[in-house]
């Protein structure tokens, strides 16, 4: 019997971490680090969910 090919899931945590850092740095440059952090969190979560949905559709 042939073994099915192993499939590793995609990870979106990197995108979340990068967007948090970028949002904080951009926000600090504008004098509003907290708002930049929250904006980065929002963008990161959207990207994270997008990666999760794409990965979920690939498995089917």
N, C-alpha and C. Protein backbone atom coordinates (compact mmCIF):
# COMPACT_ATOMS: atom_id res chain seq x y z
N UNK A 1 0.84 -1.19 0.00
CA UNK A 1 0.00 0.00 0.00
C UNK A 1 0.88 1.25 0.00
N UNK A 2 0.45 2.21 -0.74
CA UNK A 2 1.19 3.46 -0.81
C UNK A 2 0.73 4.38 0.31
N UNK A 3 1.69 5.00 0.94
CA UNK A 3 1.36 5.98 1.98
C UNK A 3 0.94 7.29 1.32
N UNK A 4 -0.08 7.94 1.86
CA UNK A 4 -0.46 9.25 1.30
C UNK A 4 0.65 10.26 1.57
N UNK A 5 0.84 11.19 0.67
CA UNK A 5 1.91 12.19 0.89
C UNK A 5 1.60 13.02 2.13
N UNK A 6 2.63 13.26 2.91
CA UNK A 6 2.43 14.07 4.11
C UNK A 6 2.24 15.53 3.70
N UNK A 7 1.36 16.20 4.37
CA UNK A 7 1.06 17.59 4.07
C UNK A 7 1.24 18.42 5.33
N UNK A 8 2.07 19.40 5.26
CA UNK A 8 2.26 20.27 6.41
C UNK A 8 1.38 21.49 6.24
N UNK A 9 0.73 21.92 7.29
CA UNK A 9 -0.14 23.10 7.19
C UNK A 9 0.67 24.39 7.04
N UNK A 10 0.06 25.36 6.42
CA UNK A 10 0.68 26.67 6.30
C UNK A 10 0.57 27.39 7.65
N UNK A 11 1.53 28.26 7.92
CA UNK A 11 1.52 28.99 9.18
C UNK A 11 1.39 30.48 8.91
N UNK A 12 0.46 31.12 9.60
CA UNK A 12 0.26 32.55 9.42
C UNK A 12 0.74 33.37 10.59
N UNK A 13 1.33 32.72 11.58
CA UNK A 13 1.81 33.44 12.77
C UNK A 13 2.89 34.45 12.45
N UNK A 14 3.71 34.14 11.46
CA UNK A 14 4.77 35.07 11.06
C UNK A 14 4.15 36.38 10.56
N UNK A 15 3.10 36.27 9.78
CA UNK A 15 2.44 37.48 9.26
C UNK A 15 1.86 38.32 10.39
N UNK A 16 1.32 37.65 11.40
CA UNK A 16 0.78 38.37 12.56
C UNK A 16 1.89 39.10 13.30
N UNK A 17 3.00 38.42 13.54
CA UNK A 17 4.11 39.03 14.26
C UNK A 17 4.70 40.22 13.50
N UNK A 18 4.88 40.05 12.20
CA UNK A 18 5.45 41.14 11.39
C UNK A 18 4.51 42.34 11.35
N UNK A 19 3.22 42.09 11.22
CA UNK A 19 2.28 43.21 11.15
C UNK A 19 2.19 43.94 12.50
N UNK A 20 2.31 43.21 13.60
CA UNK A 20 2.34 43.87 14.91
C UNK A 20 3.57 44.76 15.05
N UNK A 21 4.73 44.23 14.66
CA UNK A 21 5.95 45.04 14.74
C UNK A 21 5.89 46.25 13.81
N UNK A 22 5.45 46.02 12.59
CA UNK A 22 5.38 47.12 11.62
C UNK A 22 4.38 48.19 12.08
N UNK A 23 3.23 47.75 12.57
CA UNK A 23 2.25 48.72 13.06
C UNK A 23 2.76 49.53 14.22
N UNK A 24 3.46 48.90 15.13
CA UNK A 24 4.01 49.61 16.28
C UNK A 24 5.09 50.60 15.86
N UNK A 25 5.96 50.19 14.95
CA UNK A 25 7.03 51.08 14.49
C UNK A 25 6.45 52.26 13.71
N UNK A 26 5.52 51.98 12.81
CA UNK A 26 4.90 53.07 12.05
C UNK A 26 4.11 54.00 12.98
N UNK A 27 3.39 53.41 13.93
CA UNK A 27 2.64 54.22 14.88
C UNK A 27 3.54 55.06 15.76
N UNK A 28 4.66 54.50 16.18
CA UNK A 28 5.61 55.27 17.00
C UNK A 28 6.20 56.42 16.21
N UNK A 29 6.42 56.20 14.92
CA UNK A 29 6.93 57.27 14.08
C UNK A 29 5.95 58.42 13.94
N UNK A 30 4.68 58.12 14.08
CA UNK A 30 3.64 59.16 14.01
C UNK A 30 3.21 59.65 15.38
N UNK A 31 3.84 59.11 16.44
CA UNK A 31 3.52 59.55 17.80
C UNK A 31 2.37 58.80 18.43
N UNK A 32 1.91 57.73 17.84
CA UNK A 32 0.77 56.96 18.35
C UNK A 32 1.08 55.47 18.27
N UNK A 33 1.99 55.00 19.12
CA UNK A 33 2.41 53.60 19.08
C UNK A 33 1.26 52.66 19.42
N UNK A 34 0.39 53.04 20.33
CA UNK A 34 -0.72 52.17 20.71
C UNK A 34 -1.70 51.96 19.56
N UNK A 35 -2.02 53.02 18.85
CA UNK A 35 -2.92 52.89 17.71
C UNK A 35 -2.25 52.07 16.60
N UNK A 36 -0.96 52.25 16.41
CA UNK A 36 -0.23 51.45 15.44
C UNK A 36 -0.24 49.98 15.80
N UNK A 37 -0.12 49.68 17.09
CA UNK A 37 -0.17 48.29 17.54
C UNK A 37 -1.53 47.68 17.26
N UNK A 38 -2.59 48.40 17.57
CA UNK A 38 -3.95 47.89 17.34
C UNK A 38 -4.21 47.73 15.84
N UNK A 39 -3.75 48.68 15.04
CA UNK A 39 -3.93 48.57 13.59
C UNK A 39 -3.14 47.38 13.04
N UNK A 40 -1.92 47.20 13.53
CA UNK A 40 -1.12 46.04 13.12
C UNK A 40 -1.77 44.74 13.53
N UNK A 41 -2.39 44.73 14.71
CA UNK A 41 -3.10 43.53 15.16
C UNK A 41 -4.27 43.22 14.24
N UNK A 42 -5.01 44.24 13.86
CA UNK A 42 -6.15 44.03 12.96
C UNK A 42 -5.72 43.50 11.61
N UNK A 43 -4.68 44.11 11.03
CA UNK A 43 -4.18 43.65 9.73
C UNK A 43 -3.63 42.23 9.85
N UNK A 44 -2.90 41.96 10.92
CA UNK A 44 -2.33 40.64 11.12
C UNK A 44 -3.39 39.57 11.28
N UNK A 45 -4.45 39.87 11.99
CA UNK A 45 -5.52 38.90 12.16
C UNK A 45 -6.24 38.62 10.84
N UNK A 46 -6.42 39.64 10.03
CA UNK A 46 -7.04 39.44 8.72
C UNK A 46 -6.15 38.53 7.86
N UNK A 47 -4.85 38.78 7.87
CA UNK A 47 -3.94 37.95 7.10
C UNK A 47 -3.90 36.53 7.64
N UNK A 48 -3.93 36.39 8.96
CA UNK A 48 -3.90 35.08 9.59
C UNK A 48 -5.13 34.26 9.21
N UNK A 49 -6.29 34.88 9.24
CA UNK A 49 -7.52 34.18 8.85
C UNK A 49 -7.50 33.83 7.37
N UNK A 50 -6.95 34.73 6.53
CA UNK A 50 -6.86 34.45 5.10
C UNK A 50 -5.97 33.23 4.84
N UNK A 51 -4.83 33.16 5.52
CA UNK A 51 -3.94 32.01 5.34
C UNK A 51 -4.63 30.74 5.82
N UNK A 52 -5.34 30.82 6.92
CA UNK A 52 -6.04 29.66 7.46
C UNK A 52 -7.11 29.17 6.48
N UNK A 53 -7.86 30.10 5.91
CA UNK A 53 -8.91 29.71 4.96
C UNK A 53 -8.31 29.10 3.69
N UNK A 54 -7.23 29.68 3.20
CA UNK A 54 -6.57 29.13 2.02
C UNK A 54 -6.05 27.72 2.31
N UNK A 55 -5.44 27.54 3.46
CA UNK A 55 -4.91 26.24 3.83
C UNK A 55 -6.03 25.22 4.01
N UNK A 56 -7.14 25.67 4.54
CA UNK A 56 -8.28 24.77 4.76
C UNK A 56 -8.87 24.31 3.43
N UNK A 57 -8.94 25.19 2.45
CA UNK A 57 -9.48 24.80 1.16
C UNK A 57 -8.51 23.91 0.38
N UNK A 58 -7.21 24.02 0.66
CA UNK A 58 -6.25 23.15 -0.02
C UNK A 58 -6.38 21.70 0.42
N UNK A 59 -6.82 21.46 1.64
CA UNK A 59 -6.89 20.11 2.16
C UNK A 59 -8.08 19.35 1.60
N UNK A 60 -9.05 20.02 1.09
CA UNK A 60 -10.25 19.35 0.60
C UNK A 60 -10.16 18.98 -0.83
